[in-house]
Amino acid sequence: MQLTFLTALSVSSDVTLECLGFQWDLHRMYLFKSQVLADLLTSAVSEHAMYCMDNKTRKETRRYKQCLLGGRKDKELCEKKQKMPKITLVLNINNPDVTRYAFAVALKNLYNSEMEVNEEDVLGILATAALLEFPSLFQKCVQVMRSSISPANVCSYYSAGCKYKQPSLISDCERWIEVNLVPQLGSQIHLRKLPLELLQKVLKSSRLFTFSEFHLLRITLCWVFLQQNPKIQIIPSYDTVLTYFSSLPKICSFLEKEIGQRYIAIFQSLRLHGITSSKHLEELWQINFLPLPWLTRILSDHYYALENGGDMAFQRDFNTEAVRFGLVLTQEPRYHAEIISIYGFFFEIKAIKHEASAYSFYMQRVRHADPIISFFTAECSPVSLKQERAIKYEIKAQCQIDGKWQESATDRVTQRFGVKKPSCKSKVLKVYAPSVPIYVTFSLLFPSSLG
């Protein structure tokens, strides 16, 4: 403890606090940072004064109480303390979040001019600070939590934010999940703790990052699997998830069963029309998870698009129906590119790092005969021979600068993509980002050629 003042004056403890099965020796003058402890002390001092029969002692008690309430820390206060008997306070705590260690840290901070909180113990200390009505310590805990969000704690931090009505903490947790649900949280067992309402909200967010619509489907299926199998201690493989749902009785789809109906809104938030791989569509059919009308709609929309040169005639709202692809830049190299495919059209999405933390992002149409797409053709992917295709698109980058999330995006552009330069290349998004990671989303919608 930082007891510089007390050590200098050689002041011994004058309060014993009985709490959590332990006796804590404290000093009255420091209890006033906590409203609860201050109220206990004031009540105890007043009670002592009421039972003092000696007028002189009663006056000394009153003067000492006035010094305490005034926050006095001088020689006069110490002299008055010596005339006062040691007081015992009793505080009953039934909150399981308040541990003896967290309580000790809170009491230590009564003596500190600057609050000290360890990230590992912050939830217990937050609960203790709330119970003691210790505002400076409480705000320090919130500050530590906002700056240390990770897959292991984001769900518990979010719950604490809701419990203690901390909108800034809630917002930071939601923002973290929007960009890290797919890259981080989705591959860890902590995904299980994500509340249903929060998952649904994040899936509907315009700032949600994903590598593809299939990645969101896979993570959401895994999340449901973890809800149904609470004893599982490690994140399952996707094959394990598929095997589990395939093994269930085939009377009706999982979402139509009583246990699955609570998850319907989650899957309604997905852009299932963006699942275009024949392999993934076949898996969806085999596991009997989605209702038959949903599967029929997905397959019919997909068939229509293939038959009509990519036209997405039934998806017109760019905000909620554009198909998303993504890149995450975490470190070097200075150049990053990936191939994406949709309705027989192939694109290379690219990221280039320039000097002084400057980046460029764009996409470029690739010919179906180009050697770099041999993997897709080997997988029996459809191929469109159309020389031109109108595409509405947007490129967006998100990153943190000085602890605050920044977004940059192109306009929503409708462009006819050819297979030769310059028509094969999109607009370029240029971004200044002094630190990584950078989350880049390419959103595409193929307008109907009929109107």
Protein backbone atom coordinates (compact mmCIF):
# COMPACT_ATOMS: atom_id res chain seq x y z
CA MET A 1 0.00 0.00 0.00
CA GLN A 2 1.02 3.60 -0.60
CA LEU A 3 1.00 4.84 2.97
CA THR A 4 3.39 7.77 2.69
CA PHE A 5 1.22 10.10 4.74
CA LEU A 6 0.41 7.52 7.35
CA THR A 7 4.00 6.38 7.69
CA ALA A 8 5.20 9.95 8.15
CA LEU A 9 2.79 10.56 11.01
CA SER A 10 3.07 7.01 12.39
CA VAL A 11 -0.71 6.68 12.44
CA SER A 12 -2.05 3.27 13.42
CA SER A 13 -5.30 1.86 12.08
CA ASP A 14 -8.44 3.15 13.74
CA VAL A 15 -11.11 1.12 11.93
CA THR A 16 -11.64 -2.60 11.64
CA LEU A 17 -13.81 -3.69 8.76
CA GLU A 18 -15.35 -7.16 9.06
CA CYS A 19 -16.15 -8.45 5.60
CA LEU A 20 -15.90 -11.70 3.60
CA GLY A 21 -14.85 -13.62 6.70
CA PHE A 22 -11.83 -11.42 7.30
CA GLN A 23 -10.90 -8.40 9.42
CA TRP A 24 -9.35 -5.49 7.54
CA ASP A 25 -7.43 -2.84 9.48
CA LEU A 26 -8.10 0.54 7.88
CA HIS A 27 -7.88 4.28 8.49
CA ARG A 28 -10.92 6.50 8.71
CA MET A 29 -9.58 9.40 6.70
CA TYR A 30 -9.28 7.21 3.55
CA LEU A 31 -12.71 5.61 3.61
CA PHE A 32 -14.49 8.56 2.03
CA LYS A 33 -13.54 7.55 -1.53
CA SER A 34 -16.20 4.87 -1.09
CA GLN A 35 -19.72 6.10 -0.46
CA VAL A 36 -20.71 2.81 1.18
CA LEU A 37 -17.76 2.80 3.57
CA ALA A 38 -18.23 6.51 4.27
CA ASP A 39 -21.87 5.92 5.17
CA LEU A 40 -20.93 3.01 7.44
CA LEU A 41 -18.30 5.11 9.18
CA THR A 42 -20.56 8.13 9.57
CA SER A 43 -23.27 5.95 11.01
CA ALA A 44 -20.84 4.30 13.41
CA VAL A 45 -19.40 7.63 14.57
CA SER A 46 -22.89 9.05 15.09
CA GLU A 47 -23.96 5.98 17.02
CA HIS A 48 -20.91 6.23 19.22
CA ALA A 49 -21.68 9.89 19.95
CA MET A 50 -25.25 9.08 20.94
CA TYR A 51 -24.09 6.71 23.64
CA CYS A 52 -21.36 8.93 25.02
CA MET A 53 -22.50 10.11 28.46
CA ASP A 54 -19.59 12.49 28.99
CA ASN A 55 -20.24 15.93 27.40
CA LYS A 56 -16.53 16.51 26.75
CA THR A 57 -16.18 13.17 24.97
CA ARG A 58 -19.32 13.89 22.95
CA LYS A 59 -17.88 17.21 21.76
CA GLU A 60 -14.61 15.55 20.75
CA THR A 61 -16.57 12.95 18.79
CA ARG A 62 -18.52 15.67 16.99
CA ARG A 63 -15.36 17.59 16.09
CA TYR A 64 -13.68 14.41 14.83
CA LYS A 65 -16.68 13.57 12.68
CA GLN A 66 -16.56 17.08 11.19
CA CYS A 67 -12.87 16.62 10.38
CA LEU A 68 -13.60 13.29 8.68
CA LEU A 69 -16.47 14.67 6.62
CA GLY A 70 -14.25 17.56 5.58
CA GLY A 71 -11.53 15.19 4.38
CA ARG A 72 -8.95 16.69 6.78
CA LYS A 73 -5.52 15.01 6.86
CA ASP A 74 -3.53 17.10 9.28
CA LYS A 75 -2.04 16.96 12.75
CA GLU A 76 -5.27 18.19 14.32
CA LEU A 77 -7.16 15.22 12.88
CA CYS A 78 -4.57 12.77 14.20
CA GLU A 79 -4.74 14.32 17.62
CA LYS A 80 -8.52 14.04 17.65
CA LYS A 81 -8.28 10.42 16.47
CA GLN A 82 -6.18 9.53 19.47
CA LYS A 83 -9.09 10.56 21.70
CA MET A 84 -11.49 8.30 19.80
CA PRO A 85 -11.91 4.56 20.36
CA LYS A 86 -11.29 2.14 17.49
CA ILE A 87 -14.46 1.45 15.53
CA THR A 88 -15.57 -1.85 14.01
CA LEU A 89 -17.61 -1.77 10.81
CA VAL A 90 -19.49 -4.76 9.41
CA LEU A 91 -20.22 -5.12 5.70
CA ASN A 92 -22.14 -8.15 4.41
CA ILE A 93 -21.50 -9.08 0.76
CA ASN A 94 -23.44 -11.78 -1.09
CA ASN A 95 -22.15 -11.01 -4.59
CA PRO A 96 -20.12 -14.00 -5.94
CA ASP A 97 -18.24 -11.66 -8.31
CA VAL A 98 -16.67 -9.90 -5.33
CA THR A 99 -13.75 -12.07 -4.28
CA ARG A 100 -11.55 -11.52 -1.26
CA TYR A 101 -8.65 -10.64 -3.56
CA ALA A 102 -10.69 -8.11 -5.55
CA PHE A 103 -11.91 -6.59 -2.29
CA ALA A 104 -8.32 -6.27 -1.07
CA VAL A 105 -7.33 -4.49 -4.27
CA ALA A 106 -10.23 -2.09 -3.85
CA LEU A 107 -9.23 -1.32 -0.25
CA LYS A 108 -5.64 -0.76 -1.34
CA ASN A 109 -6.84 1.79 -3.90
CA LEU A 110 -8.48 3.78 -1.11
CA TYR A 111 -4.94 4.84 -0.24
CA ASN A 112 -3.74 5.50 -3.80
CA SER A 113 -3.84 8.84 -5.55
CA GLU A 114 -3.88 6.97 -8.88
CA MET A 115 -5.98 3.83 -9.25
CA GLU A 116 -4.13 0.55 -9.92
CA VAL A 117 -6.00 -2.30 -11.64
CA ASN A 118 -4.69 -5.49 -13.25
CA GLU A 119 -6.39 -6.69 -16.40
CA GLU A 120 -6.55 -10.27 -15.08
CA ASP A 121 -8.67 -9.27 -12.08
CA VAL A 122 -10.61 -6.38 -13.56
CA LEU A 123 -14.08 -7.99 -13.53
CA GLY A 124 -13.93 -8.77 -9.81
CA ILE A 125 -12.54 -5.32 -9.02
CA LEU A 126 -15.27 -3.71 -11.13
CA ALA A 127 -17.92 -5.61 -9.18
CA THR A 128 -16.28 -4.55 -5.90
CA ALA A 129 -16.03 -0.91 -6.97
CA ALA A 130 -19.70 -0.91 -7.94
CA LEU A 131 -20.71 -2.45 -4.63
CA LEU A 132 -18.59 -0.01 -2.60
CA GLU A 133 -19.72 2.93 -4.74
CA PHE A 134 -16.08 3.78 -5.42
CA PRO A 135 -16.39 5.87 -8.63
CA SER A 136 -12.72 6.56 -9.40
CA LEU A 137 -11.88 2.86 -9.15
CA PHE A 138 -14.95 1.89 -11.15
CA GLN A 139 -14.02 4.20 -14.02
CA LYS A 140 -10.45 2.92 -13.97
CA CYS A 141 -11.78 -0.62 -14.40
CA VAL A 142 -13.91 0.43 -17.35
CA GLN A 143 -10.89 2.15 -18.88
CA VAL A 144 -8.75 -0.99 -18.50
CA MET A 145 -11.48 -3.16 -20.03
CA ARG A 146 -12.00 -0.90 -23.03
CA SER A 147 -8.29 -1.04 -23.84
CA SER A 148 -7.83 -4.81 -23.40
CA ILE A 149 -10.65 -6.47 -25.36
CA SER A 150 -9.71 -9.91 -26.70
CA PRO A 151 -11.46 -13.15 -27.73
CA ALA A 152 -11.12 -14.50 -24.18
CA ASN A 153 -12.87 -11.59 -22.47
CA VAL A 154 -15.05 -9.73 -24.98
CA CYS A 155 -18.25 -11.58 -24.04
CA SER A 156 -17.75 -11.17 -20.27
CA TYR A 157 -16.82 -7.50 -20.77
CA TYR A 158 -19.97 -7.00 -22.83
CA SER A 159 -22.10 -8.62 -20.11
CA ALA A 160 -20.47 -6.41 -17.47
CA GLY A 161 -21.15 -3.35 -19.61
CA CYS A 162 -24.82 -4.29 -19.81
CA LYS A 163 -25.05 -5.12 -16.09
CA TYR A 164 -23.51 -1.83 -14.96
CA LYS A 165 -25.00 0.28 -17.78
CA GLN A 166 -21.73 1.35 -19.40
CA PRO A 167 -22.58 2.33 -22.99
CA SER A 168 -18.97 3.08 -23.96
CA LEU A 169 -17.85 -0.42 -22.94
CA ILE A 170 -20.84 -2.02 -24.67
CA SER A 171 -20.10 -0.10 -27.85
CA ASP A 172 -16.41 -1.03 -27.83
CA CYS A 173 -17.23 -4.73 -27.39
CA GLU A 174 -19.77 -4.65 -30.21
CA ARG A 175 -17.29 -2.85 -32.46
CA TRP A 176 -14.56 -5.38 -31.70
CA ILE A 177 -16.87 -8.29 -32.53
CA GLU A 178 -17.99 -6.66 -35.77
CA VAL A 179 -14.47 -6.87 -37.18
CA ASN A 180 -13.16 -9.91 -35.28
CA LEU A 181 -16.06 -12.37 -35.25
CA VAL A 182 -14.64 -14.14 -38.30
CA PRO A 183 -10.86 -13.57 -38.01
CA GLN A 184 -10.55 -14.33 -34.27
CA LEU A 185 -13.58 -15.17 -32.12
CA GLY A 186 -15.06 -17.68 -34.56
CA SER A 187 -12.10 -20.04 -34.22
CA GLN A 188 -12.02 -20.11 -30.41
CA ILE A 189 -14.13 -21.82 -27.77
CA HIS A 190 -15.04 -18.39 -26.35
CA LEU A 191 -17.52 -18.15 -29.25
CA ARG A 192 -19.91 -20.15 -27.05
CA LYS A 193 -20.34 -17.21 -24.65
CA LEU A 194 -21.58 -14.83 -27.36
CA PRO A 195 -25.20 -13.91 -26.47
CA LEU A 196 -27.81 -14.67 -29.12
CA GLU A 197 -29.08 -11.08 -29.21
CA LEU A 198 -25.55 -9.72 -29.69
CA LEU A 199 -24.75 -12.21 -32.45
CA GLN A 200 -27.90 -11.24 -34.30
CA LYS A 201 -27.12 -7.54 -33.94
CA VAL A 202 -23.56 -7.99 -35.21
CA LEU A 203 -24.69 -10.07 -38.20
CA LYS A 204 -26.95 -7.20 -39.26
CA SER A 205 -24.25 -4.55 -38.86
CA SER A 206 -23.02 -2.70 -41.95
CA ARG A 207 -19.53 -2.76 -40.40
CA LEU A 208 -19.37 -6.54 -40.06
CA PHE A 209 -16.19 -7.98 -41.57
CA THR A 210 -15.99 -11.41 -43.17
CA PHE A 211 -13.82 -13.22 -45.68
CA SER A 212 -16.98 -14.47 -47.42
CA GLU A 213 -20.65 -15.16 -46.72
CA PHE A 214 -19.77 -18.82 -46.27
CA HIS A 215 -17.44 -17.97 -43.37
CA LEU A 216 -20.35 -16.37 -41.53
CA LEU A 217 -22.53 -19.41 -42.15
CA ARG A 218 -19.84 -21.75 -40.88
CA ILE A 219 -19.27 -19.74 -37.70
CA THR A 220 -22.99 -19.44 -37.03
CA LEU A 221 -23.46 -23.20 -37.41
CA CYS A 222 -20.55 -23.71 -35.03
CA TRP A 223 -22.12 -21.30 -32.53
CA VAL A 224 -25.39 -23.26 -32.59
CA PHE A 225 -23.45 -26.51 -32.14
CA LEU A 226 -21.76 -25.06 -29.03
CA GLN A 227 -25.11 -23.98 -27.60
CA GLN A 228 -26.45 -27.50 -28.06
CA ASN A 229 -23.31 -29.15 -26.67
CA PRO A 230 -22.31 -27.09 -23.59
CA LYS A 231 -19.84 -29.70 -22.32
CA ILE A 232 -17.58 -29.41 -25.37
CA GLN A 233 -14.32 -27.79 -24.25
CA ILE A 234 -12.55 -27.21 -27.58
CA ILE A 235 -13.72 -25.54 -30.76
CA PRO A 236 -15.00 -28.26 -33.12
CA SER A 237 -13.90 -28.70 -36.71
CA TYR A 238 -16.41 -27.82 -39.39
CA ASP A 239 -16.65 -31.50 -40.32
CA THR A 240 -17.61 -32.29 -36.72
CA VAL A 241 -20.38 -29.69 -36.86
CA LEU A 242 -21.69 -31.09 -40.15
CA THR A 243 -21.59 -34.65 -38.80
CA TYR A 244 -23.54 -33.64 -35.69
CA PHE A 245 -26.40 -31.99 -37.59
CA SER A 246 -26.44 -34.78 -40.18
CA SER A 247 -26.89 -37.33 -37.40
CA LEU A 248 -30.10 -35.77 -36.07
CA PRO A 249 -33.49 -37.28 -37.01
CA LYS A 250 -34.67 -36.20 -40.48
CA ILE A 251 -38.32 -35.63 -39.58
CA CYS A 252 -37.92 -31.93 -40.32
CA SER A 253 -35.11 -29.42 -40.59
CA PHE A 254 -33.26 -28.36 -37.43
CA LEU A 255 -34.63 -24.80 -37.53
CA GLU A 256 -38.19 -26.14 -37.72
CA LYS A 257 -37.74 -28.22 -34.58
CA GLU A 258 -38.62 -26.80 -31.18
CA ILE A 259 -34.96 -26.61 -30.13
CA GLY A 260 -34.03 -24.79 -33.34
CA GLN A 261 -36.77 -22.19 -33.63
CA ARG A 262 -35.01 -19.75 -31.32
CA TYR A 263 -32.16 -19.57 -33.86
CA ILE A 264 -34.29 -18.71 -36.90
CA ALA A 265 -33.68 -14.96 -36.66
CA ILE A 266 -29.92 -15.57 -36.60
CA PHE A 267 -29.97 -17.36 -39.95
CA GLN A 268 -32.40 -14.85 -41.41
CA SER A 269 -29.66 -12.27 -40.78
CA LEU A 270 -27.21 -14.15 -43.02
CA ARG A 271 -26.86 -13.45 -46.75
CA LEU A 272 -27.39 -17.04 -47.75
CA HIS A 273 -27.69 -16.15 -51.44
CA GLY A 274 -23.94 -15.44 -51.23
CA ILE A 275 -23.24 -19.16 -50.66
CA THR A 276 -22.48 -20.08 -54.27
CA SER A 277 -19.99 -22.96 -54.09
CA SER A 278 -21.58 -26.22 -55.23
CA LYS A 279 -19.72 -28.05 -52.45
CA HIS A 280 -21.09 -25.75 -49.75
CA LEU A 281 -24.60 -25.88 -51.17
CA GLU A 282 -24.50 -29.66 -51.19
CA GLU A 283 -23.36 -29.70 -47.53
CA LEU A 284 -26.24 -27.42 -46.59
CA TRP A 285 -28.64 -29.83 -48.24
CA GLN A 286 -27.18 -32.89 -46.53
CA ILE A 287 -27.23 -31.60 -42.95
CA ASN A 288 -30.96 -30.83 -43.09
CA PHE A 289 -30.48 -27.65 -41.09
CA LEU A 290 -32.39 -25.01 -43.09
CA PRO A 291 -36.09 -25.32 -43.92
CA LEU A 292 -36.74 -26.71 -47.40
CA PRO A 293 -38.29 -23.44 -48.71
CA TRP A 294 -35.09 -21.61 -47.74
CA LEU A 295 -32.90 -24.10 -49.59
CA THR A 296 -35.20 -24.01 -52.60
CA ARG A 297 -34.97 -20.22 -52.74
CA ILE A 298 -31.16 -20.24 -52.45
CA LEU A 299 -30.79 -22.80 -55.23
CA SER A 300 -33.35 -21.18 -57.53
CA ASP A 301 -31.73 -17.74 -57.13
CA HIS A 302 -28.35 -19.29 -57.82
CA TYR A 303 -29.65 -21.10 -60.91
CA TYR A 304 -31.32 -17.94 -62.21
CA ALA A 305 -28.11 -15.94 -61.82
CA LEU A 306 -26.08 -18.56 -63.70
CA GLU A 307 -28.66 -18.73 -66.49
CA ASN A 308 -28.80 -14.95 -66.87
CA GLY A 309 -25.16 -13.91 -66.88
CA GLY A 310 -24.93 -13.25 -63.15
CA ASP A 311 -28.10 -11.19 -62.74
CA MET A 312 -29.11 -10.99 -59.08
CA ALA A 313 -32.70 -10.19 -59.93
CA PHE A 314 -34.02 -10.95 -56.44
CA GLN A 315 -31.35 -9.02 -54.49
CA ARG A 316 -31.59 -5.28 -55.00
CA ASP A 317 -30.83 -3.71 -51.61
CA PHE A 318 -27.09 -3.10 -51.56
CA ASN A 319 -27.06 -2.41 -47.81
CA THR A 320 -28.41 -5.82 -46.85
CA GLU A 321 -27.88 -8.05 -49.90
CA ALA A 322 -24.49 -7.25 -51.47
CA VAL A 323 -22.15 -10.25 -51.36
CA ARG A 324 -19.03 -9.58 -49.27
CA PHE A 325 -15.43 -10.72 -49.59
CA GLY A 326 -12.59 -9.61 -47.33
CA LEU A 327 -8.89 -9.30 -46.63
CA VAL A 328 -7.11 -8.69 -43.33
CA LEU A 329 -3.69 -7.08 -43.42
CA THR A 330 -1.76 -7.93 -40.26
CA GLN A 331 1.86 -7.50 -41.31
CA GLU A 332 4.17 -7.62 -44.31
CA PRO A 333 4.38 -8.46 -47.23
CA ARG A 334 3.74 -5.21 -49.00
CA TYR A 335 1.49 -6.89 -51.57
CA HIS A 336 -1.48 -9.18 -50.95
CA ALA A 337 -3.96 -10.65 -53.43
CA GLU A 338 -6.66 -13.31 -53.45
CA ILE A 339 -8.97 -14.73 -56.10
CA ILE A 340 -12.73 -14.66 -55.57
CA SER A 341 -15.44 -16.21 -57.72
CA ILE A 342 -19.15 -15.53 -58.07
CA TYR A 343 -21.59 -16.69 -60.75
CA GLY A 344 -18.79 -17.65 -63.13
CA PHE A 345 -16.91 -14.34 -62.85
CA PHE A 346 -13.43 -14.21 -61.33
CA PHE A 347 -11.78 -11.27 -59.59
CA GLU A 348 -8.49 -10.62 -57.92
CA ILE A 349 -8.86 -8.49 -54.80
CA LYS A 350 -5.63 -6.66 -54.05
CA ALA A 351 -3.88 -4.71 -51.29
CA ILE A 352 -0.65 -2.81 -51.84
CA LYS A 353 1.40 -1.06 -49.18
CA HIS A 354 3.26 2.07 -50.19
CA GLU A 355 5.62 4.20 -48.15
CA ALA A 356 4.65 6.08 -44.98
CA SER A 357 1.74 3.80 -44.00
CA ALA A 358 -0.18 4.41 -47.22
CA TYR A 359 -2.23 1.56 -48.73
CA SER A 360 -4.18 0.99 -51.93
CA PHE A 361 -7.05 -1.46 -52.34
CA TYR A 362 -8.82 -2.45 -55.53
CA MET A 363 -10.17 -5.42 -57.47
CA GLN A 364 -9.56 -6.57 -60.99
CA ARG A 365 -11.48 -8.96 -63.21
CA VAL A 366 -9.52 -12.04 -64.32
CA ARG A 367 -10.10 -14.05 -67.48
CA HIS A 368 -11.45 -17.55 -66.92
CA ALA A 369 -8.48 -19.01 -68.80
CA ASP A 370 -5.89 -17.27 -66.65
CA PRO A 371 -3.54 -19.80 -64.95
CA ILE A 372 -4.07 -18.21 -61.53
CA ILE A 373 -7.66 -19.48 -61.41
CA SER A 374 -6.89 -23.08 -62.28
CA PHE A 375 -7.88 -24.07 -58.72
CA PHE A 376 -11.43 -22.83 -59.25
CA THR A 377 -11.88 -24.48 -62.63
CA ALA A 378 -10.46 -27.71 -61.17
CA GLU A 379 -13.27 -27.57 -58.62
CA CYS A 380 -15.85 -27.50 -61.41
CA SER A 381 -16.74 -23.89 -60.74
CA PRO A 382 -19.06 -22.34 -63.33
CA VAL A 383 -17.42 -20.07 -65.91
CA SER A 384 -19.04 -17.10 -67.63
CA LEU A 385 -17.87 -16.20 -71.14
CA LYS A 386 -19.45 -12.74 -71.04
CA GLN A 387 -16.96 -10.10 -72.12
CA GLU A 388 -18.60 -7.42 -69.97
CA ARG A 389 -20.59 -7.45 -66.77
CA ALA A 390 -22.12 -4.51 -64.90
CA ILE A 391 -21.31 -4.68 -61.19
CA LYS A 392 -22.26 -2.37 -58.36
CA TYR A 393 -19.54 -2.42 -55.73
CA GLU A 394 -17.98 -0.71 -52.74
CA ILE A 395 -14.54 -1.12 -51.18
CA LYS A 396 -14.26 -0.32 -47.46
CA ALA A 397 -11.30 -0.39 -45.05
CA GLN A 398 -11.47 -0.30 -41.24
CA CYS A 399 -8.61 0.14 -38.78
CA GLN A 400 -7.82 1.66 -35.41
CA ILE A 401 -5.92 4.93 -35.22
CA ASP A 402 -5.01 6.12 -31.71
CA GLY A 403 -7.52 3.70 -30.23
CA LYS A 404 -10.45 4.90 -32.36
CA TRP A 405 -11.97 3.02 -35.27
CA GLN A 406 -11.69 4.77 -38.61
CA GLU A 407 -13.51 3.84 -41.82
CA SER A 408 -12.66 4.73 -45.40
CA ALA A 409 -14.68 3.67 -48.43
CA THR A 410 -15.15 4.28 -52.12
CA ASP A 411 -18.45 5.53 -53.40
CA ARG A 412 -20.88 2.85 -54.44
CA VAL A 413 -19.99 2.53 -58.06
CA THR A 414 -21.72 0.70 -60.91
CA GLN A 415 -19.08 -0.22 -63.46
CA ARG A 416 -18.95 -2.43 -66.52
CA PHE A 417 -16.06 -4.82 -66.00
CA GLY A 418 -14.35 -6.16 -69.09
CA VAL A 419 -11.48 -8.61 -69.31
CA LYS A 420 -8.90 -6.13 -70.59
CA LYS A 421 -7.40 -2.94 -69.20
CA PRO A 422 -8.57 -0.41 -68.25
CA SER A 423 -12.14 -1.74 -67.90
CA CYS A 424 -11.06 -4.80 -65.86
CA LYS A 425 -9.91 -2.67 -62.91
CA SER A 426 -12.07 -1.08 -60.21
CA LYS A 427 -11.69 2.27 -58.53
CA VAL A 428 -8.81 2.40 -56.07
CA LEU A 429 -9.36 3.04 -52.36
CA LYS A 430 -6.36 4.84 -50.84
CA VAL A 431 -5.97 4.72 -47.07
CA TYR A 432 -3.49 6.06 -44.52
CA ALA A 433 -3.14 3.54 -41.68
CA PRO A 434 -0.21 3.87 -39.26
CA SER A 435 -0.88 0.46 -37.72
CA VAL A 436 -2.35 -2.93 -38.54
CA PRO A 437 -4.61 -4.87 -38.67
CA ILE A 438 -6.61 -3.37 -41.51
CA TYR A 439 -9.93 -5.01 -42.41
CA VAL A 440 -10.87 -4.57 -46.07
CA THR A 441 -14.31 -5.50 -47.43
CA PHE A 442 -15.26 -5.78 -51.09
CA SER A 443 -19.07 -5.74 -51.49
CA LEU A 444 -20.58 -6.75 -54.85
CA LEU A 445 -24.08 -6.74 -56.32
CA PHE A 446 -24.83 -7.79 -59.90
CA PRO A 447 -27.74 -5.64 -61.15
CA SER A 448 -30.29 -7.18 -63.44
CA SER A 449 -29.48 -6.56 -67.09
CA LEU A 450 -33.20 -6.14 -67.77
CA GLY A 451 -33.66 -2.96 -65.78
